[in-house]
């Protein structure tokens, strides 16, 4: 018989959460590094630009999702 303790499940859930948090923070850091700016500056620049850059709009959607 396999016995699983509540503490073990809690630890597993905590490790899973921390892993996801680390992944999200790393993605945010990569986007900030890519554009050499914060989210706010990036959005202002994107909306002020007269040229449409699909890669920037794709990154905008991804960045916004990671912030949520």
PDB file of N, CA and C in Angstrom:
ATOM      1  N   UNK A   1       0.841  -1.172   0.000  1.00  0.00           N
ATOM      2  CA  UNK A   1       0.000   0.000   0.000  1.00  0.00           C
ATOM      3  C   UNK A   1       0.892   1.243   0.000  1.00  0.00           C
ATOM      4  N   UNK A   2       0.517   2.195  -0.801  1.00  0.00           N
ATOM      5  CA  UNK A   2       1.247   3.459  -0.907  1.00  0.00           C
ATOM      6  C   UNK A   2       0.584   4.488  -0.005  1.00  0.00           C
ATOM      7  N   UNK A   3       1.380   5.116   0.849  1.00  0.00           N
ATOM      8  CA  UNK A   3       0.852   6.140   1.746  1.00  0.00           C
ATOM      9  C   UNK A   3       1.398   7.500   1.315  1.00  0.00           C
ATOM     10  N   UNK A   4       0.492   8.434   1.097  1.00  0.00           N
ATOM     11  CA  UNK A   4       0.873   9.788   0.712  1.00  0.00           C
ATOM     12  C   UNK A   4       0.389  10.734   1.805  1.00  0.00           C
ATOM     13  N   UNK A   5       1.308  11.504   2.333  1.00  0.00           N
ATOM     14  CA  UNK A   5       0.986  12.424   3.410  1.00  0.00           C
ATOM     15  C   UNK A   5       0.560  13.783   2.853  1.00  0.00           C
ATOM     16  N   UNK A   6      -0.303  14.464   3.585  1.00  0.00           N
ATOM     17  CA  UNK A   6      -0.764  15.790   3.171  1.00  0.00           C
ATOM     18  C   UNK A   6       0.406  16.742   2.972  1.00  0.00           C
ATOM     19  N   UNK A   7       1.394  16.666   3.821  1.00  0.00           N
ATOM     20  CA  UNK A   7       2.555  17.548   3.724  1.00  0.00           C
ATOM     21  C   UNK A   7       3.301  17.323   2.413  1.00  0.00           C
ATOM     22  N   UNK A   8       3.382  16.063   1.976  1.00  0.00           N
ATOM     23  CA  UNK A   8       4.044  15.757   0.712  1.00  0.00           C
ATOM     24  C   UNK A   8       3.292  16.375  -0.467  1.00  0.00           C
ATOM     25  N   UNK A   9       1.972  16.312  -0.420  1.00  0.00           N
ATOM     26  CA  UNK A   9       1.162  16.922  -1.481  1.00  0.00           C
ATOM     27  C   UNK A   9       1.320  18.432  -1.455  1.00  0.00           C
ATOM     28  N   UNK A  10       1.305  19.003  -0.252  1.00  0.00           N
ATOM     29  CA  UNK A  10       1.510  20.447  -0.118  1.00  0.00           C
ATOM     30  C   UNK A  10       2.860  20.875  -0.668  1.00  0.00           C
ATOM     31  N   UNK A  11       3.895  20.105  -0.376  1.00  0.00           N
ATOM     32  CA  UNK A  11       5.234  20.420  -0.890  1.00  0.00           C
ATOM     33  C   UNK A  11       5.269  20.326  -2.413  1.00  0.00           C
ATOM     34  N   UNK A  12       4.632  19.306  -2.955  1.00  0.00           N
ATOM     35  CA  UNK A  12       4.595  19.148  -4.408  1.00  0.00           C
ATOM     36  C   UNK A  12       3.885  20.330  -5.064  1.00  0.00           C
ATOM     37  N   UNK A  13       2.770  20.754  -4.509  1.00  0.00           N
ATOM     38  CA  UNK A  13       2.034  21.896  -5.053  1.00  0.00           C
ATOM     39  C   UNK A  13       2.848  23.183  -4.932  1.00  0.00           C
ATOM     40  N   UNK A  14       3.549  23.344  -3.813  1.00  0.00           N
ATOM     41  CA  UNK A  14       4.397  24.519  -3.633  1.00  0.00           C
ATOM     42  C   UNK A  14       5.522  24.531  -4.646  1.00  0.00           C
ATOM     43  N   UNK A  15       6.191  23.400  -4.844  1.00  0.00           N
ATOM     44  CA  UNK A  15       7.282  23.327  -5.815  1.00  0.00           C
ATOM     45  C   UNK A  15       6.783  23.591  -7.232  1.00  0.00           C
ATOM     46  N   UNK A  16       5.598  23.085  -7.546  1.00  0.00           N
ATOM     47  CA  UNK A  16       5.016  23.324  -8.869  1.00  0.00           C
ATOM     48  C   UNK A  16       4.728  24.812  -9.070  1.00  0.00           C
ATOM     49  N   UNK A  17       4.174  25.447  -8.041  1.00  0.00           N
ATOM     50  CA  UNK A  17       3.889  26.881  -8.108  1.00  0.00           C
ATOM     51  C   UNK A  17       5.174  27.688  -8.266  1.00  0.00           C
ATOM     52  N   UNK A  18       6.182  27.360  -7.470  1.00  0.00           N
ATOM     53  CA  UNK A  18       7.451  28.097  -7.538  1.00  0.00           C
ATOM     54  C   UNK A  18       8.133  27.907  -8.889  1.00  0.00           C
ATOM     55  N   UNK A  19       8.014  26.737  -9.452  1.00  0.00           N
ATOM     56  CA  UNK A  19       8.573  26.481 -10.783  1.00  0.00           C
ATOM     57  C   UNK A  19       7.869  27.336 -11.832  1.00  0.00           C
ATOM     58  N   UNK A  20       6.560  27.402 -11.755  1.00  0.00           N
ATOM     59  CA  UNK A  20       5.793  28.231 -12.703  1.00  0.00           C
ATOM     60  C   UNK A  20       6.125  29.706 -12.522  1.00  0.00           C
ATOM     61  N   UNK A  21       6.244  30.131 -11.289  1.00  0.00           N
ATOM     62  CA  UNK A  21       6.592  31.525 -11.005  1.00  0.00           C
ATOM     63  C   UNK A  21       7.966  31.865 -11.569  1.00  0.00           C
ATOM     64  N   UNK A  22       8.906  30.971 -11.404  1.00  0.00           N
ATOM     65  CA  UNK A  22      10.254  31.192 -11.937  1.00  0.00           C
ATOM     66  C   UNK A  22      10.205  31.305 -13.461  1.00  0.00           C
ATOM     67  N   UNK A  23       9.443  30.442 -14.104  1.00  0.00           N
ATOM     68  CA  UNK A  23       9.326  30.473 -15.572  1.00  0.00           C
ATOM     69  C   UNK A  23       8.748  31.801 -16.044  1.00  0.00           C
ATOM     70  N   UNK A  24       7.701  32.271 -15.379  1.00  0.00           N
ATOM     71  CA  UNK A  24       7.062  33.531 -15.757  1.00  0.00           C
ATOM     72  C   UNK A  24       8.031  34.697 -15.556  1.00  0.00           C
ATOM     73  N   UNK A  25       8.713  34.723 -14.420  1.00  0.00           N
ATOM     74  CA  UNK A  25       9.669  35.805 -14.159  1.00  0.00           C
ATOM     75  C   UNK A  25      10.799  35.809 -15.176  1.00  0.00           C
ATOM     76  N   UNK A  26      11.236  34.634 -15.574  1.00  0.00           N
ATOM     77  CA  UNK A  26      12.305  34.545 -16.572  1.00  0.00           C
ATOM     78  C   UNK A  26      11.820  35.053 -17.927  1.00  0.00           C
ATOM     79  N   UNK A  27      10.606  34.703 -18.308  1.00  0.00           N
ATOM     80  CA  UNK A  27      10.039  35.198 -19.577  1.00  0.00           C
ATOM     81  C   UNK A  27       9.924  36.721 -19.549  1.00  0.00           C
ATOM     82  N   UNK A  28       9.468  37.278 -18.426  1.00  0.00           N
ATOM     83  CA  UNK A  28       9.361  38.734 -18.299  1.00  0.00           C
ATOM     84  C   UNK A  28      10.740  39.392 -18.399  1.00  0.00           C
ATOM     85  N   UNK A  29      11.728  38.782 -17.755  1.00  0.00           N
ATOM     86  CA  UNK A  29      13.086  39.323 -17.803  1.00  0.00           C
ATOM     87  C   UNK A  29      13.626  39.293 -19.236  1.00  0.00           C
ATOM     88  N   UNK A  30      13.357  38.224 -19.960  1.00  0.00           N
ATOM     89  CA  UNK A  30      13.817  38.120 -21.343  1.00  0.00           C
ATOM     90  C   UNK A  30      13.175  39.190 -22.236  1.00  0.00           C
ATOM     91  N   UNK A  31      11.893  39.440 -22.026  1.00  0.00           N
ATOM     92  CA  UNK A  31      11.223  40.476 -22.820  1.00  0.00           C
ATOM     93  C   UNK A  31      11.757  41.866 -22.471  1.00  0.00           C
ATOM     94  N   UNK A  32      11.995  42.128 -21.204  1.00  0.00           N
ATOM     95  CA  UNK A  32      12.578  43.417 -20.804  1.00  0.00           C
ATOM     96  C   UNK A  32      13.970  43.589 -21.397  1.00  0.00           C
ATOM     97  N   UNK A  33      14.737  42.523 -21.423  1.00  0.00           N
ATOM     98  CA  UNK A  33      16.082  42.568 -22.005  1.00  0.00           C
ATOM     99  C   UNK A  33      16.004  42.758 -23.524  1.00  0.00           C
ATOM    100  N   UNK A  34      15.090  42.069 -24.156  1.00  0.00           N
ATOM    101  CA  UNK A  34      14.951  42.154 -25.616  1.00  0.00           C
ATOM    102  C   UNK A  34      14.656  43.582 -26.065  1.00  0.00           C
ATOM    103  N   UNK A  35      13.788  44.270 -25.335  1.00  0.00           N
ATOM    104  CA  UNK A  35      13.375  45.614 -25.723  1.00  0.00           C
ATOM    105  C   UNK A  35      14.062  46.712 -24.901  1.00  0.00           C
ATOM    106  N   UNK A  36      14.941  46.306 -24.014  1.00  0.00           N
ATOM    107  CA  UNK A  36      15.678  47.279 -23.185  1.00  0.00           C
ATOM    108  C   UNK A  36      14.736  48.282 -22.539  1.00  0.00           C
ATOM    109  N   UNK A  37      13.612  47.786 -22.036  1.00  0.00           N
ATOM    110  CA  UNK A  37      12.635  48.689 -21.422  1.00  0.00           C
ATOM    111  C   UNK A  37      11.688  47.924 -20.518  1.00  0.00           C
ATOM    112  N   UNK A  38      10.956  48.691 -19.762  1.00  0.00           N
ATOM    113  CA  UNK A  38       9.910  48.117 -18.926  1.00  0.00           C
ATOM    114  C   UNK A  38       8.647  47.937 -19.772  1.00  0.00           C
ATOM    115  N   UNK A  39       7.664  47.281 -19.191  1.00  0.00           N
ATOM    116  CA  UNK A  39       6.378  47.067 -19.860  1.00  0.00           C
ATOM    117  C   UNK A  39       5.748  48.402 -20.265  1.00  0.00           C
ATOM    118  N   UNK A  40       5.721  49.357 -19.337  1.00  0.00           N
ATOM    119  CA  UNK A  40       5.068  50.634 -19.579  1.00  0.00           C
ATOM    120  C   UNK A  40       5.716  51.382 -20.748  1.00  0.00           C
ATOM    121  N   UNK A  41       7.033  51.413 -20.780  1.00  0.00           N
ATOM    122  CA  UNK A  41       7.756  52.101 -21.860  1.00  0.00           C
ATOM    123  C   UNK A  41       7.520  51.378 -23.184  1.00  0.00           C
ATOM    124  N   UNK A  42       7.546  50.060 -23.159  1.00  0.00           N
ATOM    125  CA  UNK A  42       7.309  49.275 -24.365  1.00  0.00           C
ATOM    126  C   UNK A  42       5.925  49.558 -24.947  1.00  0.00           C
ATOM    127  N   UNK A  43       4.908  49.570 -24.083  1.00  0.00           N
ATOM    128  CA  UNK A  43       3.532  49.808 -24.548  1.00  0.00           C
ATOM    129  C   UNK A  43       3.396  51.215 -25.117  1.00  0.00           C
ATOM    130  N   UNK A  44       3.966  52.200 -24.439  1.00  0.00           N
ATOM    131  CA  UNK A  44       3.915  53.573 -24.946  1.00  0.00           C
ATOM    132  C   UNK A  44       4.562  53.676 -26.316  1.00  0.00           C
ATOM    133  N   UNK A  45       5.712  53.047 -26.472  1.00  0.00           N
ATOM    134  CA  UNK A  45       6.419  53.073 -27.760  1.00  0.00           C
ATOM    135  C   UNK A  45       5.608  52.350 -28.837  1.00  0.00           C
ATOM    136  N   UNK A  46       5.031  51.227 -28.489  1.00  0.00           N
ATOM    137  CA  UNK A  46       4.261  50.440 -29.448  1.00  0.00           C
ATOM    138  C   UNK A  46       3.044  51.218 -29.951  1.00  0.00           C
ATOM    139  N   UNK A  47       2.340  51.867 -29.041  1.00  0.00           N
ATOM    140  CA  UNK A  47       1.146  52.615 -29.431  1.00  0.00           C
ATOM    141  C   UNK A  47       1.482  53.914 -30.162  1.00  0.00           C
ATOM    142  N   UNK A  48       2.657  54.466 -29.907  1.00  0.00           N
ATOM    143  CA  UNK A  48       3.053  55.713 -30.562  1.00  0.00           C
ATOM    144  C   UNK A  48       3.644  55.482 -31.950  1.00  0.00           C
ATOM    145  N   UNK A  49       4.051  54.256 -32.220  1.00  0.00           N
ATOM    146  CA  UNK A  49       4.704  53.948 -33.496  1.00  0.00           C
ATOM    147  C   UNK A  49       3.694  54.025 -34.641  1.00  0.00           C
ATOM    148  N   UNK A  50       4.140  54.571 -35.753  1.00  0.00           N
ATOM    149  CA  UNK A  50       3.280  54.676 -36.934  1.00  0.00           C
ATOM    150  C   UNK A  50       3.431  53.465 -37.846  1.00  0.00           C
ATOM    151  N   UNK A  51       4.458  52.650 -37.589  1.00  0.00           N
ATOM    152  CA  UNK A  51       4.667  51.439 -38.369  1.00  0.00           C
ATOM    153  C   UNK A  51       4.180  50.238 -37.564  1.00  0.00           C
ATOM    154  N   UNK A  52       3.514  49.325 -38.237  1.00  0.00           N
ATOM    155  CA  UNK A  52       3.019  48.141 -37.555  1.00  0.00           C
ATOM    156  C   UNK A  52       4.072  47.041 -37.624  1.00  0.00           C
ATOM    157  N   UNK A  53       4.486  46.584 -36.464  1.00  0.00           N
ATOM    158  CA  UNK A  53       5.487  45.530 -36.368  1.00  0.00           C
ATOM    159  C   UNK A  53       4.818  44.324 -35.715  1.00  0.00           C
ATOM    160  N   UNK A  54       4.581  43.299 -36.503  1.00  0.00           N
ATOM    161  CA  UNK A  54       3.840  42.140 -36.008  1.00  0.00           C
ATOM    162  C   UNK A  54       4.583  41.405 -34.891  1.00  0.00           C
ATOM    163  N   UNK A  55       5.921  41.363 -34.959  1.00  0.00           N
ATOM    164  CA  UNK A  55       6.697  40.707 -33.905  1.00  0.00           C
ATOM    165  C   UNK A  55       6.503  41.438 -32.577  1.00  0.00           C
ATOM    166  N   UNK A  56       6.495  42.760 -32.622  1.00  0.00           N
ATOM    167  CA  UNK A  56       6.283  43.522 -31.396  1.00  0.00           C
ATOM    168  C   UNK A  56       4.870  43.306 -30.856  1.00  0.00           C
ATOM    169  N   UNK A  57       3.890  43.227 -31.742  1.00  0.00           N
ATOM    170  CA  UNK A  57       2.520  42.986 -31.279  1.00  0.00           C
ATOM    171  C   UNK A  57       2.379  41.582 -30.702  1.00  0.00           C
ATOM    172  N   UNK A  58       3.062  40.607 -31.290  1.00  0.00           N
ATOM    173  CA  UNK A  58       3.059  39.256 -30.727  1.00  0.00           C
ATOM    174  C   UNK A  58       3.691  39.260 -29.331  1.00  0.00           C
ATOM    175  N   UNK A  59       4.818  39.970 -29.203  1.00  0.00           N
ATOM    176  CA  UNK A  59       5.473  40.077 -27.903  1.00  0.00           C
ATOM    177  C   UNK A  59       4.604  40.838 -26.910  1.00  0.00           C
ATOM    178  N   UNK A  60       3.869  41.823 -27.393  1.00  0.00           N
ATOM    179  CA  UNK A  60       2.940  42.572 -26.536  1.00  0.00           C
ATOM    180  C   UNK A  60       1.908  41.634 -25.924  1.00  0.00           C
ATOM    181  N   UNK A  61       1.319  40.782 -26.748  1.00  0.00           N
ATOM    182  CA  UNK A  61       0.297  39.842 -26.277  1.00  0.00           C
ATOM    183  C   UNK A  61       0.912  38.861 -25.269  1.00  0.00           C
ATOM    184  N   UNK A  62       2.083  38.341 -25.599  1.00  0.00           N
ATOM    185  CA  UNK A  62       2.751  37.389 -24.704  1.00  0.00           C
ATOM    186  C   UNK A  62       3.120  38.059 -23.378  1.00  0.00           C
ATOM    187  N   UNK A  63       3.687  39.267 -23.463  1.00  0.00           N
ATOM    188  CA  UNK A  63       4.122  40.008 -22.277  1.00  0.00           C
ATOM    189  C   UNK A  63       2.929  40.296 -21.362  1.00  0.00           C
ATOM    190  N   UNK A  64       1.845  40.752 -21.981  1.00  0.00           N
ATOM    191  CA  UNK A  64       0.633  41.060 -21.217  1.00  0.00           C
ATOM    192  C   UNK A  64       0.103  39.815 -20.512  1.00  0.00           C
ATOM    193  N   UNK A  65       0.143  38.687 -21.194  1.00  0.00           N
ATOM    194  CA  UNK A  65      -0.329  37.438 -20.596  1.00  0.00           C
ATOM    195  C   UNK A  65       0.546  37.025 -19.414  1.00  0.00           C
ATOM    196  N   UNK A  66       1.849  37.167 -19.547  1.00  0.00           N
ATOM    197  CA  UNK A  66       2.747  36.802 -18.445  1.00  0.00           C
ATOM    198  C   UNK A  66       2.567  37.740 -17.253  1.00  0.00           C
ATOM    199  N   UNK A  67       2.237  38.980 -17.496  1.00  0.00           N
ATOM    200  CA  UNK A  67       2.004  39.894 -16.384  1.00  0.00           C
ATOM    201  C   UNK A  67       0.761  39.511 -15.584  1.00  0.00           C
ATOM    202  N   UNK A  68      -0.189  38.918 -16.247  1.00  0.00           N
ATOM    203  CA  UNK A  68      -1.409  38.491 -15.549  1.00  0.00           C
ATOM    204  C   UNK A  68      -1.138  37.241 -14.772  1.00  0.00           C
TER     205      UNK A  68
END
